[in-house]
PDB file of N, CA and C in Angstrom:
ATOM      1  N   UNK A   1       0.824  -1.197   0.000  1.00  0.00           N
ATOM      2  CA  UNK A   1       0.000   0.000   0.000  1.00  0.00           C
ATOM      3  C   UNK A   1       0.868   1.261   0.000  1.00  0.00           C
ATOM      4  N   UNK A   2       1.884   1.296   0.867  1.00  0.00           N
ATOM      5  CA  UNK A   2       2.752   2.465   0.978  1.00  0.00           C
ATOM      6  C   UNK A   2       3.547   2.738  -0.280  1.00  0.00           C
ATOM      7  N   UNK A   3       4.049   1.667  -0.907  1.00  0.00           N
ATOM      8  CA  UNK A   3       4.835   1.840  -2.142  1.00  0.00           C
ATOM      9  C   UNK A   3       3.989   2.441  -3.246  1.00  0.00           C
ATOM     10  N   UNK A   4       2.766   1.939  -3.380  1.00  0.00           N
ATOM     11  CA  UNK A   4       1.877   2.455  -4.423  1.00  0.00           C
ATOM     12  C   UNK A   4       1.622   3.940  -4.218  1.00  0.00           C
ATOM     13  N   UNK A   5       1.338   4.334  -2.970  1.00  0.00           N
ATOM     14  CA  UNK A   5       1.067   5.732  -2.666  1.00  0.00           C
ATOM     15  C   UNK A   5       2.290   6.596  -2.955  1.00  0.00           C
ATOM     16  N   UNK A   6       3.472   6.148  -2.513  1.00  0.00           N
ATOM     17  CA  UNK A   6       4.698   6.907  -2.753  1.00  0.00           C
ATOM     18  C   UNK A   6       4.971   7.072  -4.244  1.00  0.00           C
ATOM     19  N   UNK A   7       4.749   6.017  -5.004  1.00  0.00           N
ATOM     20  CA  UNK A   7       4.966   6.072  -6.452  1.00  0.00           C
ATOM     21  C   UNK A   7       3.979   7.044  -7.104  1.00  0.00           C
ATOM     22  N   UNK A   8       2.726   7.000  -6.669  1.00  0.00           N
ATOM     23  CA  UNK A   8       1.705   7.879  -7.242  1.00  0.00           C
ATOM     24  C   UNK A   8       2.016   9.346  -6.930  1.00  0.00           C
ATOM     25  N   UNK A   9       2.379   9.639  -5.683  1.00  0.00           N
ATOM     26  CA  UNK A   9       2.695  11.012  -5.286  1.00  0.00           C
ATOM     27  C   UNK A   9       3.918  11.527  -6.035  1.00  0.00           C
ATOM     28  N   UNK A  10       4.911  10.680  -6.247  1.00  0.00           N
ATOM     29  CA  UNK A  10       6.141  11.139  -6.904  1.00  0.00           C
ATOM     30  C   UNK A  10       5.921  11.518  -8.358  1.00  0.00           C
ATOM     31  N   UNK A  11       4.808  11.109  -8.945  1.00  0.00           N
ATOM     32  CA  UNK A  11       4.531  11.467 -10.341  1.00  0.00           C
ATOM     33  C   UNK A  11       3.687  12.740 -10.460  1.00  0.00           C
ATOM     34  N   UNK A  12       3.191  13.267  -9.340  1.00  0.00           N
ATOM     35  CA  UNK A  12       2.375  14.487  -9.359  1.00  0.00           C
ATOM     36  C   UNK A  12       3.251  15.698  -9.680  1.00  0.00           C
ATOM     37  N   UNK A  13       2.684  16.641 -10.400  1.00  0.00           N
ATOM     38  CA  UNK A  13       3.369  17.920 -10.576  1.00  0.00           C
ATOM     39  C   UNK A  13       3.220  18.698  -9.270  1.00  0.00           C
ATOM     40  N   UNK A  14       4.044  19.704  -9.087  1.00  0.00           N
ATOM     41  CA  UNK A  14       3.967  20.521  -7.869  1.00  0.00           C
ATOM     42  C   UNK A  14       2.575  21.145  -7.736  1.00  0.00           C
ATOM     43  N   UNK A  15       2.047  21.654  -8.821  1.00  0.00           N
ATOM     44  CA  UNK A  15       0.731  22.283  -8.810  1.00  0.00           C
ATOM     45  C   UNK A  15      -0.356  21.278  -8.414  1.00  0.00           C
ATOM     46  N   UNK A  16      -0.327  20.096  -8.998  1.00  0.00           N
ATOM     47  CA  UNK A  16      -1.343  19.087  -8.722  1.00  0.00           C
ATOM     48  C   UNK A  16      -1.262  18.618  -7.262  1.00  0.00           C
ATOM     49  N   UNK A  17      -0.050  18.427  -6.759  1.00  0.00           N
ATOM     50  CA  UNK A  17       0.128  18.015  -5.375  1.00  0.00           C
ATOM     51  C   UNK A  17      -0.389  19.099  -4.424  1.00  0.00           C
ATOM     52  N   UNK A  18      -0.082  20.362  -4.719  1.00  0.00           N
ATOM     53  CA  UNK A  18      -0.552  21.476  -3.899  1.00  0.00           C
ATOM     54  C   UNK A  18      -2.075  21.519  -3.865  1.00  0.00           C
ATOM     55  N   UNK A  19      -2.709  21.373  -5.013  1.00  0.00           N
ATOM     56  CA  UNK A  19      -4.172  21.406  -5.090  1.00  0.00           C
ATOM     57  C   UNK A  19      -4.794  20.230  -4.339  1.00  0.00           C
ATOM     58  N   UNK A  20      -4.177  19.066  -4.413  1.00  0.00           N
ATOM     59  CA  UNK A  20      -4.669  17.880  -3.703  1.00  0.00           C
ATOM     60  C   UNK A  20      -4.582  18.094  -2.194  1.00  0.00           C
ATOM     61  N   UNK A  21      -3.479  18.634  -1.724  1.00  0.00           N
ATOM     62  CA  UNK A  21      -3.307  18.911  -0.294  1.00  0.00           C
ATOM     63  C   UNK A  21      -4.331  19.938   0.172  1.00  0.00           C
ATOM     64  N   UNK A  22      -4.523  21.004  -0.609  1.00  0.00           N
ATOM     65  CA  UNK A  22      -5.497  22.033  -0.241  1.00  0.00           C
ATOM     66  C   UNK A  22      -6.913  21.458  -0.176  1.00  0.00           C
ATOM     67  N   UNK A  23      -7.264  20.621  -1.135  1.00  0.00           N
ATOM     68  CA  UNK A  23      -8.591  20.008  -1.188  1.00  0.00           C
ATOM     69  C   UNK A  23      -8.840  19.126   0.033  1.00  0.00           C
ATOM     70  N   UNK A  24      -7.894  18.231   0.325  1.00  0.00           N
ATOM     71  CA  UNK A  24      -8.048  17.314   1.458  1.00  0.00           C
ATOM     72  C   UNK A  24      -8.052  18.072   2.790  1.00  0.00           C
ATOM     73  N   UNK A  25      -7.223  19.095   2.909  1.00  0.00           N
ATOM     74  CA  UNK A  25      -7.185  19.884   4.135  1.00  0.00           C
ATOM     75  C   UNK A  25      -8.513  20.615   4.350  1.00  0.00           C
ATOM     76  N   UNK A  26      -9.080  21.144   3.279  1.00  0.00           N
ATOM     77  CA  UNK A  26     -10.356  21.849   3.373  1.00  0.00           C
ATOM     78  C   UNK A  26     -11.462  20.898   3.838  1.00  0.00           C
ATOM     79  N   UNK A  27     -11.456  19.668   3.356  1.00  0.00           N
ATOM     80  CA  UNK A  27     -12.449  18.679   3.779  1.00  0.00           C
ATOM     81  C   UNK A  27     -12.370  18.419   5.280  1.00  0.00           C
ATOM     82  N   UNK A  28     -11.166  18.472   5.831  1.00  0.00           N
ATOM     83  CA  UNK A  28     -10.953  18.201   7.257  1.00  0.00           C
ATOM     84  C   UNK A  28     -10.965  19.465   8.118  1.00  0.00           C
ATOM     85  N   UNK A  29     -11.104  20.630   7.473  1.00  0.00           N
ATOM     86  CA  UNK A  29     -11.118  21.886   8.220  1.00  0.00           C
ATOM     87  C   UNK A  29      -9.739  22.320   8.695  1.00  0.00           C
ATOM     88  N   UNK A  30      -8.710  21.890   7.989  1.00  0.00           N
ATOM     89  CA  UNK A  30      -7.335  22.210   8.363  1.00  0.00           C
ATOM     90  C   UNK A  30      -6.829  23.355   7.481  1.00  0.00           C
ATOM     91  N   UNK A  31      -6.329  24.432   8.086  1.00  0.00           N
ATOM     92  CA  UNK A  31      -5.809  25.536   7.264  1.00  0.00           C
ATOM     93  C   UNK A  31      -4.490  25.151   6.591  1.00  0.00           C
ATOM     94  N   UNK A  32      -4.292  25.649   5.386  1.00  0.00           N
ATOM     95  CA  UNK A  32      -3.048  25.416   4.646  1.00  0.00           C
ATOM     96  C   UNK A  32      -2.354  26.761   4.486  1.00  0.00           C
ATOM     97  N   UNK A  33      -1.112  26.808   4.897  1.00  0.00           N
ATOM     98  CA  UNK A  33      -0.324  28.029   4.779  1.00  0.00           C
ATOM     99  C   UNK A  33       0.821  27.762   3.816  1.00  0.00           C
ATOM    100  N   UNK A  34       0.861  28.511   2.715  1.00  0.00           N
ATOM    101  CA  UNK A  34       1.951  28.357   1.749  1.00  0.00           C
ATOM    102  C   UNK A  34       3.150  29.161   2.225  1.00  0.00           C
ATOM    103  N   UNK A  35       4.305  28.514   2.224  1.00  0.00           N
ATOM    104  CA  UNK A  35       5.539  29.127   2.698  1.00  0.00           C
ATOM    105  C   UNK A  35       6.579  29.032   1.601  1.00  0.00           C
ATOM    106  N   UNK A  36       7.282  30.123   1.366  1.00  0.00           N
ATOM    107  CA  UNK A  36       8.375  30.097   0.402  1.00  0.00           C
ATOM    108  C   UNK A  36       9.454  29.155   0.912  1.00  0.00           C
ATOM    109  N   UNK A  37      10.022  28.367   0.032  1.00  0.00           N
ATOM    110  CA  UNK A  37      11.053  27.424   0.446  1.00  0.00           C
ATOM    111  C   UNK A  37      12.414  28.083   0.645  1.00  0.00           C
ATOM    112  N   UNK A  38      12.511  29.377   0.379  1.00  0.00           N
ATOM    113  CA  UNK A  38      13.770  30.092   0.499  1.00  0.00           C
ATOM    114  C   UNK A  38      14.301  30.021   1.933  1.00  0.00           C
ATOM    115  N   UNK A  39      15.457  29.441   2.109  1.00  0.00           N
ATOM    116  CA  UNK A  39      16.172  29.305   3.381  1.00  0.00           C
ATOM    117  C   UNK A  39      15.410  28.535   4.454  1.00  0.00           C
ATOM    118  N   UNK A  40      14.439  27.710   4.085  1.00  0.00           N
ATOM    119  CA  UNK A  40      13.710  26.943   5.105  1.00  0.00           C
ATOM    120  C   UNK A  40      14.597  25.908   5.780  1.00  0.00           C
ATOM    121  N   UNK A  41      15.636  25.454   5.110  1.00  0.00           N
ATOM    122  CA  UNK A  41      16.499  24.443   5.717  1.00  0.00           C
ATOM    123  C   UNK A  41      17.452  25.025   6.750  1.00  0.00           C
ATOM    124  N   UNK A  42      17.563  26.341   6.821  1.00  0.00           N
ATOM    125  CA  UNK A  42      18.446  26.959   7.818  1.00  0.00           C
ATOM    126  C   UNK A  42      17.698  27.925   8.734  1.00  0.00           C
ATOM    127  N   UNK A  43      16.377  27.980   8.659  1.00  0.00           N
ATOM    128  CA  UNK A  43      15.589  28.850   9.521  1.00  0.00           C
ATOM    129  C   UNK A  43      15.061  28.048  10.703  1.00  0.00           C
ATOM    130  N   UNK A  44      15.298  28.544  11.895  1.00  0.00           N
ATOM    131  CA  UNK A  44      14.862  27.862  13.116  1.00  0.00           C
ATOM    132  C   UNK A  44      13.351  28.005  13.270  1.00  0.00           C
ATOM    133  N   UNK A  45      12.648  26.892  13.474  1.00  0.00           N
ATOM    134  CA  UNK A  45      11.200  26.977  13.622  1.00  0.00           C
ATOM    135  C   UNK A  45      10.787  27.360  15.037  1.00  0.00           C
ATOM    136  N   UNK A  46      11.755  27.450  15.962  1.00  0.00           N
ATOM    137  CA  UNK A  46      11.458  27.871  17.331  1.00  0.00           C
ATOM    138  C   UNK A  46      11.509  29.395  17.444  1.00  0.00           C
ATOM    139  N   UNK A  47      12.614  29.985  16.976  1.00  0.00           N
ATOM    140  CA  UNK A  47      12.783  31.438  17.142  1.00  0.00           C
ATOM    141  C   UNK A  47      12.698  32.225  15.829  1.00  0.00           C
ATOM    142  N   UNK A  48      12.788  31.538  14.681  1.00  0.00           N
ATOM    143  CA  UNK A  48      12.686  32.209  13.392  1.00  0.00           C
ATOM    144  C   UNK A  48      13.991  32.773  12.856  1.00  0.00           C
ATOM    145  N   UNK A  49      15.057  32.648  13.625  1.00  0.00           N
ATOM    146  CA  UNK A  49      16.347  33.163  13.176  1.00  0.00           C
ATOM    147  C   UNK A  49      17.066  32.126  12.316  1.00  0.00           C
ATOM    148  N   UNK A  50      18.106  32.587  11.634  1.00  0.00           N
ATOM    149  CA  UNK A  50      18.876  31.676  10.790  1.00  0.00           C
ATOM    150  C   UNK A  50      19.881  30.924  11.642  1.00  0.00           C
ATOM    151  N   UNK A  51      19.823  29.600  11.564  1.00  0.00           N
ATOM    152  CA  UNK A  51      20.752  28.754  12.314  1.00  0.00           C
ATOM    153  C   UNK A  51      21.835  28.229  11.404  1.00  0.00           C
ATOM    154  N   UNK A  52      22.505  27.192  11.881  1.00  0.00           N
ATOM    155  CA  UNK A  52      23.586  26.590  11.109  1.00  0.00           C
ATOM    156  C   UNK A  52      23.221  25.146  10.789  1.00  0.00           C
ATOM    157  N   UNK A  53      23.485  24.752   9.586  1.00  0.00           N
ATOM    158  CA  UNK A  53      23.218  23.380   9.172  1.00  0.00           C
ATOM    159  C   UNK A  53      24.532  22.719   8.795  1.00  0.00           C
ATOM    160  N   UNK A  54      24.800  21.601   9.449  1.00  0.00           N
ATOM    161  CA  UNK A  54      25.949  20.792   9.080  1.00  0.00           C
ATOM    162  C   UNK A  54      25.411  19.595   8.311  1.00  0.00           C
ATOM    163  N   UNK A  55      26.247  18.619   8.073  1.00  0.00           N
ATOM    164  CA  UNK A  55      25.822  17.472   7.274  1.00  0.00           C
ATOM    165  C   UNK A  55      24.570  16.801   7.834  1.00  0.00           C
ATOM    166  N   UNK A  56      24.530  16.547   9.130  1.00  0.00           N
ATOM    167  CA  UNK A  56      23.415  15.812   9.714  1.00  0.00           C
ATOM    168  C   UNK A  56      22.598  16.591  10.736  1.00  0.00           C
ATOM    169  N   UNK A  57      23.063  17.766  11.177  1.00  0.00           N
ATOM    170  CA  UNK A  57      22.398  18.471  12.262  1.00  0.00           C
ATOM    171  C   UNK A  57      22.120  19.928  11.940  1.00  0.00           C
ATOM    172  N   UNK A  58      21.021  20.412  12.497  1.00  0.00           N
ATOM    173  CA  UNK A  58      20.678  21.824  12.453  1.00  0.00           C
ATOM    174  C   UNK A  58      20.805  22.348  13.870  1.00  0.00           C
ATOM    175  N   UNK A  59      21.525  23.447  14.059  1.00  0.00           N
ATOM    176  CA  UNK A  59      21.655  24.050  15.382  1.00  0.00           C
ATOM    177  C   UNK A  59      21.383  25.546  15.284  1.00  0.00           C
ATOM    178  N   UNK A  60      20.810  26.090  16.355  1.00  0.00           N
ATOM    179  CA  UNK A  60      20.492  27.516  16.392  1.00  0.00           C
ATOM    180  C   UNK A  60      21.053  28.122  17.668  1.00  0.00           C
ATOM    181  N   UNK A  61      21.300  29.421  17.642  1.00  0.00           N
ATOM    182  CA  UNK A  61      21.825  30.117  18.818  1.00  0.00           C
ATOM    183  C   UNK A  61      20.844  30.115  19.988  1.00  0.00           C
ATOM    184  N   UNK A  62      19.539  29.889  19.714  1.00  0.00           N
ATOM    185  CA  UNK A  62      18.548  29.856  20.796  1.00  0.00           C
ATOM    186  C   UNK A  62      18.636  28.550  21.586  1.00  0.00           C
ATOM    187  N   UNK A  63      19.447  27.592  21.095  1.00  0.00           N
ATOM    188  CA  UNK A  63      19.625  26.330  21.799  1.00  0.00           C
ATOM    189  C   UNK A  63      18.933  25.152  21.138  1.00  0.00           C
ATOM    190  N   UNK A  64      18.129  25.431  20.128  1.00  0.00           N
ATOM    191  CA  UNK A  64      17.427  24.341  19.437  1.00  0.00           C
ATOM    192  C   UNK A  64      18.403  23.549  18.580  1.00  0.00           C
ATOM    193  N   UNK A  65      18.304  22.222  18.648  1.00  0.00           N
ATOM    194  CA  UNK A  65      19.147  21.334  17.859  1.00  0.00           C
ATOM    195  C   UNK A  65      18.297  20.157  17.409  1.00  0.00           C
ATOM    196  N   UNK A  66      18.409  19.799  16.135  1.00  0.00           N
ATOM    197  CA  UNK A  66      17.610  18.685  15.603  1.00  0.00           C
ATOM    198  C   UNK A  66      18.286  18.119  14.356  1.00  0.00           C
ATOM    199  N   UNK A  67      17.770  17.003  13.904  1.00  0.00           N
ATOM    200  CA  UNK A  67      18.226  16.382  12.665  1.00  0.00           C
ATOM    201  C   UNK A  67      18.028  17.397  11.531  1.00  0.00           C
ATOM    202  N   UNK A  68      18.983  17.507  10.634  1.00  0.00           N
ATOM    203  CA  UNK A  68      18.919  18.487   9.555  1.00  0.00           C
ATOM    204  C   UNK A  68      17.806  18.219   8.546  1.00  0.00           C
ATOM    205  N   UNK A  69      17.345  16.991   8.461  1.00  0.00           N
ATOM    206  CA  UNK A  69      16.270  16.688   7.516  1.00  0.00           C
ATOM    207  C   UNK A  69      14.931  17.046   8.107  1.00  0.00           C
TER     208      UNK A  69
END
């Protein structure tokens, strides 16, 4: 079941995937917020400041540390 779903999703265009997510979220009453992907891999989700990303870890001056993925 999981492989089929992963294969199907990987063939979606970005636009189609976005529309599918918005549709399903609306059915469940979940808000969807579009965020620019610019610097999301180095922005701390705790304080919003730019942290440091090494090969496997993300660290921020506020003390937050997590897996880089």
